[in-house]
Protein backbone atom coordinates (compact mmCIF):
# COMPACT_ATOMS: atom_id res chain seq x y z
CA MET A 1 97.69 111.64 11.08
CA ASP A 2 96.75 114.94 9.49
CA LYS A 3 97.33 116.68 12.83
CA ASP A 4 99.91 114.50 14.37
CA PHE A 5 102.83 116.90 13.38
CA ILE A 6 101.34 120.41 14.15
CA GLY A 7 103.64 121.97 16.54
CA LYS A 8 106.19 119.15 16.19
CA THR A 9 109.86 119.41 15.05
CA VAL A 10 111.24 116.82 12.64
CA ILE A 11 115.01 116.38 11.63
CA VAL A 12 115.65 114.78 8.40
CA THR A 13 119.37 113.93 7.44
CA GLY A 14 120.27 113.46 3.74
CA ALA A 15 117.42 115.97 2.90
CA GLY A 16 119.28 117.76 0.06
CA GLY A 17 117.68 115.55 -2.71
CA GLY A 18 116.01 112.33 -3.51
CA ILE A 19 114.15 110.45 -0.83
CA GLY A 20 115.25 112.94 1.87
CA ARG A 21 113.95 115.87 0.19
CA ALA A 22 110.62 113.90 -0.39
CA ILE A 23 110.66 113.16 3.38
CA ALA A 24 111.10 116.81 4.33
CA HIS A 25 108.40 117.87 1.98
CA ALA A 26 105.98 115.28 3.31
CA PHE A 27 106.35 116.33 6.92
CA TYR A 28 106.22 119.99 5.85
CA LYS A 29 102.84 119.39 4.25
CA LEU A 30 101.75 117.78 7.41
CA GLU A 31 102.55 121.19 9.36
CA ALA A 32 105.69 120.08 11.02
CA THR A 33 108.70 122.27 11.52
CA VAL A 34 111.25 120.62 9.37
CA CYS A 35 115.09 120.89 10.24
CA ILE A 36 116.49 120.04 6.67
CA THR A 37 120.11 118.63 7.26
CA ASP A 38 122.71 117.43 4.45
CA LEU A 39 126.37 117.32 3.93
CA SER A 40 125.71 120.08 1.11
CA LEU A 41 124.49 123.34 2.53
CA LYS A 42 123.73 124.35 -1.01
CA ALA A 43 121.43 121.26 -1.56
CA ALA A 44 119.61 121.69 1.75
CA LYS A 45 119.00 125.22 0.83
CA GLU A 46 117.60 124.03 -2.44
CA THR A 47 115.23 121.65 -0.65
CA GLN A 48 114.10 124.67 1.49
CA GLU A 49 113.45 126.58 -1.59
CA ILE A 50 111.22 123.85 -2.96
CA ILE A 51 109.22 122.82 0.15
CA GLY A 52 108.76 126.42 1.77
CA ASN A 53 110.62 128.37 4.45
CA GLU A 54 107.92 129.28 6.59
CA ARG A 55 108.45 126.30 9.03
CA SER A 56 111.80 124.93 7.82
CA GLN A 57 115.36 125.38 8.77
CA VAL A 58 118.66 124.29 7.00
CA TYR A 59 121.80 122.80 8.74
CA GLU A 60 125.05 121.43 7.20
CA LEU A 61 125.55 118.03 8.67
CA ASP A 62 128.10 115.27 8.38
CA VAL A 63 126.51 112.12 9.66
CA THR A 64 129.77 110.54 10.11
CA ASP A 65 131.12 113.15 12.43
CA LYS A 66 129.91 112.74 16.20
CA LYS A 67 130.79 116.16 17.19
CA ASN A 68 129.22 117.86 14.25
CA ILE A 69 125.96 115.84 14.86
CA GLU A 70 125.95 116.94 18.46
CA ASN A 71 126.59 120.57 17.66
CA VAL A 72 123.87 120.54 15.13
CA PHE A 73 121.26 118.86 17.11
CA GLU A 74 122.09 121.23 19.85
CA LYS A 75 121.54 124.30 17.67
CA ILE A 76 118.02 122.75 16.62
CA LEU A 77 117.30 122.40 20.26
CA GLU A 78 118.33 126.05 21.00
CA THR A 79 116.08 127.28 18.07
CA ASN A 80 112.96 124.93 18.50
CA LYS A 81 113.18 124.15 22.17
CA SER A 82 112.58 120.51 21.46
CA TYR A 83 112.22 117.98 18.63
CA ASP A 84 110.03 114.89 18.16
CA VAL A 85 111.11 113.06 15.09
CA LEU A 86 114.29 111.92 13.61
CA ALA A 87 114.20 110.72 9.90
CA SER A 88 117.77 109.32 9.61
CA ASN A 89 118.04 108.99 5.80
CA ALA A 90 121.53 110.03 4.69
CA GLY A 91 122.91 107.39 2.47
CA VAL A 92 125.55 106.63 -0.22
CA SER A 93 126.32 103.86 -2.75
CA THR A 94 128.87 102.68 -5.16
CA MET A 95 128.87 99.68 -7.32
CA ASN A 96 131.52 97.02 -8.03
CA TYR A 97 132.07 93.10 -8.07
CA VAL A 98 133.48 92.03 -4.77
CA GLU A 99 136.72 90.87 -6.26
CA ASN A 100 137.44 94.45 -7.37
CA LEU A 101 135.87 96.22 -4.42
CA THR A 102 138.31 98.57 -2.57
CA GLU A 103 138.54 99.12 1.09
CA ASP A 104 137.93 102.79 0.35
CA GLU A 105 134.37 101.95 -1.13
CA TRP A 106 133.64 99.46 1.69
CA ASP A 107 134.56 102.12 4.27
CA PHE A 108 132.64 104.90 2.48
CA ASN A 109 129.46 102.93 2.44
CA MET A 110 129.77 101.54 6.00
CA ASN A 111 130.54 105.18 7.46
CA VAL A 112 127.77 106.86 5.87
CA ASN A 113 124.97 104.26 5.80
CA ALA A 114 125.72 102.34 8.99
CA LYS A 115 127.82 104.61 11.35
CA GLY A 116 125.56 107.63 10.26
CA ILE A 117 122.59 105.69 11.52
CA PHE A 118 124.06 104.79 14.81
CA LEU A 119 125.56 108.35 15.62
CA THR A 120 122.41 110.28 14.71
CA ASN A 121 119.99 107.80 16.36
CA GLN A 122 122.36 107.83 19.65
CA ALA A 123 122.07 111.58 19.65
CA ALA A 124 118.38 111.52 19.38
CA ILE A 125 117.70 108.88 21.90
CA LYS A 126 119.76 110.67 24.52
CA TYR A 127 117.64 113.60 24.12
CA PHE A 128 114.57 111.75 24.02
CA LYS A 129 115.30 110.00 27.38
CA MET A 130 116.76 113.18 29.04
CA SER A 131 113.70 115.17 28.08
CA LYS A 132 111.11 112.26 28.53
CA THR A 133 110.01 112.59 25.03
CA LYS A 134 108.25 109.77 23.52
CA GLY A 135 110.09 110.44 20.15
CA LYS A 136 110.06 108.65 16.98
CA ILE A 137 112.98 107.49 14.72
CA VAL A 138 112.63 106.20 11.22
CA ASN A 139 115.81 104.94 9.59
CA THR A 140 116.20 104.50 5.93
CA ALA A 141 117.42 101.06 4.97
CA SER A 142 116.80 99.32 1.59
CA LEU A 143 115.60 96.44 -0.38
CA ALA A 144 119.28 95.65 -0.42
CA ALA A 145 118.84 95.05 3.50
CA LYS A 146 116.44 92.27 2.84
CA VAL A 147 118.29 90.30 -0.06
CA GLY A 148 121.91 90.76 -1.19
CA ALA A 149 122.23 92.81 -4.18
CA PRO A 150 124.92 91.72 -6.88
CA LEU A 151 127.33 94.53 -7.35
CA LEU A 152 126.24 96.01 -4.14
CA ALA A 153 127.74 93.61 -1.49
CA HIS A 154 129.25 96.32 0.49
CA TYR A 155 126.00 98.57 0.37
CA SER A 156 123.93 95.56 1.29
CA ALA A 157 126.12 94.92 4.07
CA SER A 158 125.63 98.44 5.44
CA LYS A 159 121.92 98.34 4.97
CA PHE A 160 121.48 95.14 6.77
CA ALA A 161 123.31 96.63 9.58
CA VAL A 162 120.72 99.37 9.57
CA VAL A 163 118.00 96.73 9.98
CA GLY A 164 119.80 95.03 12.79
CA PHE A 165 120.61 98.29 14.56
CA THR A 166 117.08 99.34 14.21
CA GLN A 167 115.67 96.14 15.87
CA ALA A 168 117.96 96.19 18.64
CA LEU A 169 117.60 99.89 19.42
CA ALA A 170 113.94 99.66 19.29
CA ARG A 171 114.01 96.80 22.09
CA GLU A 172 116.22 98.88 24.27
CA VAL A 173 114.24 102.06 24.24
CA ALA A 174 110.69 100.83 24.08
CA LYS A 175 110.32 101.10 27.85
CA ASP A 176 110.83 104.76 27.54
CA GLY A 177 108.01 105.14 24.87
CA ILE A 178 110.47 105.69 22.00
CA ARG A 179 109.63 103.99 18.87
CA VAL A 180 112.35 103.05 16.20
CA ASN A 181 111.46 101.58 12.77
CA ALA A 182 112.98 101.58 9.25
CA VAL A 183 111.82 101.67 5.77
CA CYS A 184 113.27 99.60 3.01
CA PRO A 185 112.88 101.30 -0.39
CA GLY A 186 113.12 99.32 -3.75
CA LEU A 187 114.15 100.91 -6.94
CA VAL A 188 113.79 104.56 -6.43
CA LYS A 189 114.16 107.07 -9.07
CA THR A 190 116.58 109.51 -7.74
CA SER A 191 119.92 110.97 -8.77
CA MET A 192 121.55 108.10 -6.75
CA GLN A 193 119.72 105.44 -9.03
CA ASP A 194 120.88 107.49 -12.18
CA ARG A 195 124.47 107.05 -11.09
CA GLU A 196 123.88 103.33 -10.25
CA VAL A 197 122.17 102.65 -13.71
CA GLN A 198 125.43 104.10 -15.49
CA TRP A 199 127.64 101.91 -13.23
CA GLU A 200 125.75 98.75 -13.58
CA ALA A 201 125.18 99.22 -17.36
CA LYS A 202 129.05 99.62 -17.78
CA LEU A 203 129.89 96.69 -15.40
CA ARG A 204 127.33 94.25 -17.19
CA GLY A 205 127.98 95.58 -20.64
CA LEU A 206 124.23 96.52 -20.95
CA SER A 207 122.63 99.89 -22.15
CA PRO A 208 121.32 102.08 -19.46
CA ASP A 209 117.82 101.87 -21.00
CA LYS A 210 118.01 98.05 -20.71
CA VAL A 211 119.15 98.14 -16.83
CA ILE A 212 116.00 100.59 -16.26
CA GLN A 213 113.63 98.18 -18.08
CA GLU A 214 114.85 95.28 -16.05
CA TYR A 215 114.21 97.34 -12.87
CA ILE A 216 110.52 97.92 -14.16
CA ASP A 217 110.25 94.32 -15.13
CA MET A 218 111.10 92.89 -11.82
CA THR A 219 108.65 95.27 -9.94
CA PRO A 220 105.15 93.59 -9.84
CA LEU A 221 103.41 97.14 -9.73
CA GLY A 222 105.07 97.82 -13.03
CA ARG A 223 107.02 101.11 -12.43
CA LEU A 224 110.09 102.66 -10.90
CA GLU A 225 109.61 103.90 -7.45
CA LYS A 226 109.02 107.48 -6.56
CA PRO A 227 110.70 109.18 -3.40
CA GLU A 228 107.07 110.05 -2.30
CA ASP A 229 106.31 106.44 -2.14
CA VAL A 230 108.84 106.14 0.61
CA ALA A 231 108.09 109.54 2.31
CA ASP A 232 104.46 108.60 2.98
CA VAL A 233 105.59 105.41 4.83
CA VAL A 234 108.04 107.41 6.86
CA THR A 235 105.49 109.88 7.98
CA PHE A 236 103.09 106.94 8.85
CA LEU A 237 105.76 105.23 11.01
CA ALA A 238 106.44 108.70 12.78
CA SER A 239 102.59 109.17 13.43
CA GLU A 240 100.23 107.69 16.05
CA ASN A 241 98.72 105.65 13.29
CA SER A 242 101.65 103.31 13.92
CA ARG A 243 101.78 103.57 17.56
CA PHE A 244 102.08 99.76 18.23
CA MET A 245 104.83 99.32 15.80
CA THR A 246 108.52 99.23 16.66
CA GLY A 247 111.58 97.35 15.54
CA GLN A 248 110.14 97.06 11.98
CA ALA A 249 111.74 97.14 8.67
CA ILE A 250 108.84 97.94 6.28
CA ASN A 251 109.36 96.97 2.81
CA VAL A 252 108.33 99.81 0.05
CA THR A 253 109.46 97.89 -3.06
CA GLY A 254 106.29 97.61 -5.20
CA GLY A 255 106.12 93.94 -4.45
CA ILE A 256 109.70 92.99 -5.30
CA TYR A 257 110.33 91.44 -1.84
CA THR A 258 107.45 90.65 0.46
CA THR A 259 108.83 88.99 3.37
């Protein structure tokens, strides 16, 4: 895998922080050219400052906007002549009991987490098929895509959609040599988790420290997950080491969920 990405171009969505930043960094260390995309151009530039700018580019991208995706991916093609991997990672979350869940919360999660995967994957496979590129797509799903999470019913629904979409698309494009897989992270220490801990603590009447300890206690490997734990599986799924894997949703949960 060490040489798989030399001379290759990788697009990472939601790369302005958290798991996306770690994915961008992992591919950069493997000598890929990394296209750092995020809704926040400022955050994307911060990622570039962290990982290095020798083989990285920054693009402002709204994964819910089909035209914006087409324009950005076209700019990436103009600059790099091709691209080989899409790590479709952009995601959001909110927390609420279903009885109090608003339509806006539902739509927000579905639009970014599910529609964003659909639109970015669609753009990538059109290019891969047109150029006869045996491209790789890795979508970020979630532990919540394997087992419904209380307070996250809408988020779980959006991430279950990612797994189903990944499986279906993988079957459609296998004949073209295109592979599509997903990762299902568990309780990852990111700014998103920091917000979720505060929300959960308030909704359940607990202290944030108690919520975090519960996360650790339910993880057999005994610690919170790091973004790098996910990024290393993403690079594996985009490499030739996983050449006979497609349509998979790989758990990266520290043993919380094993099916």
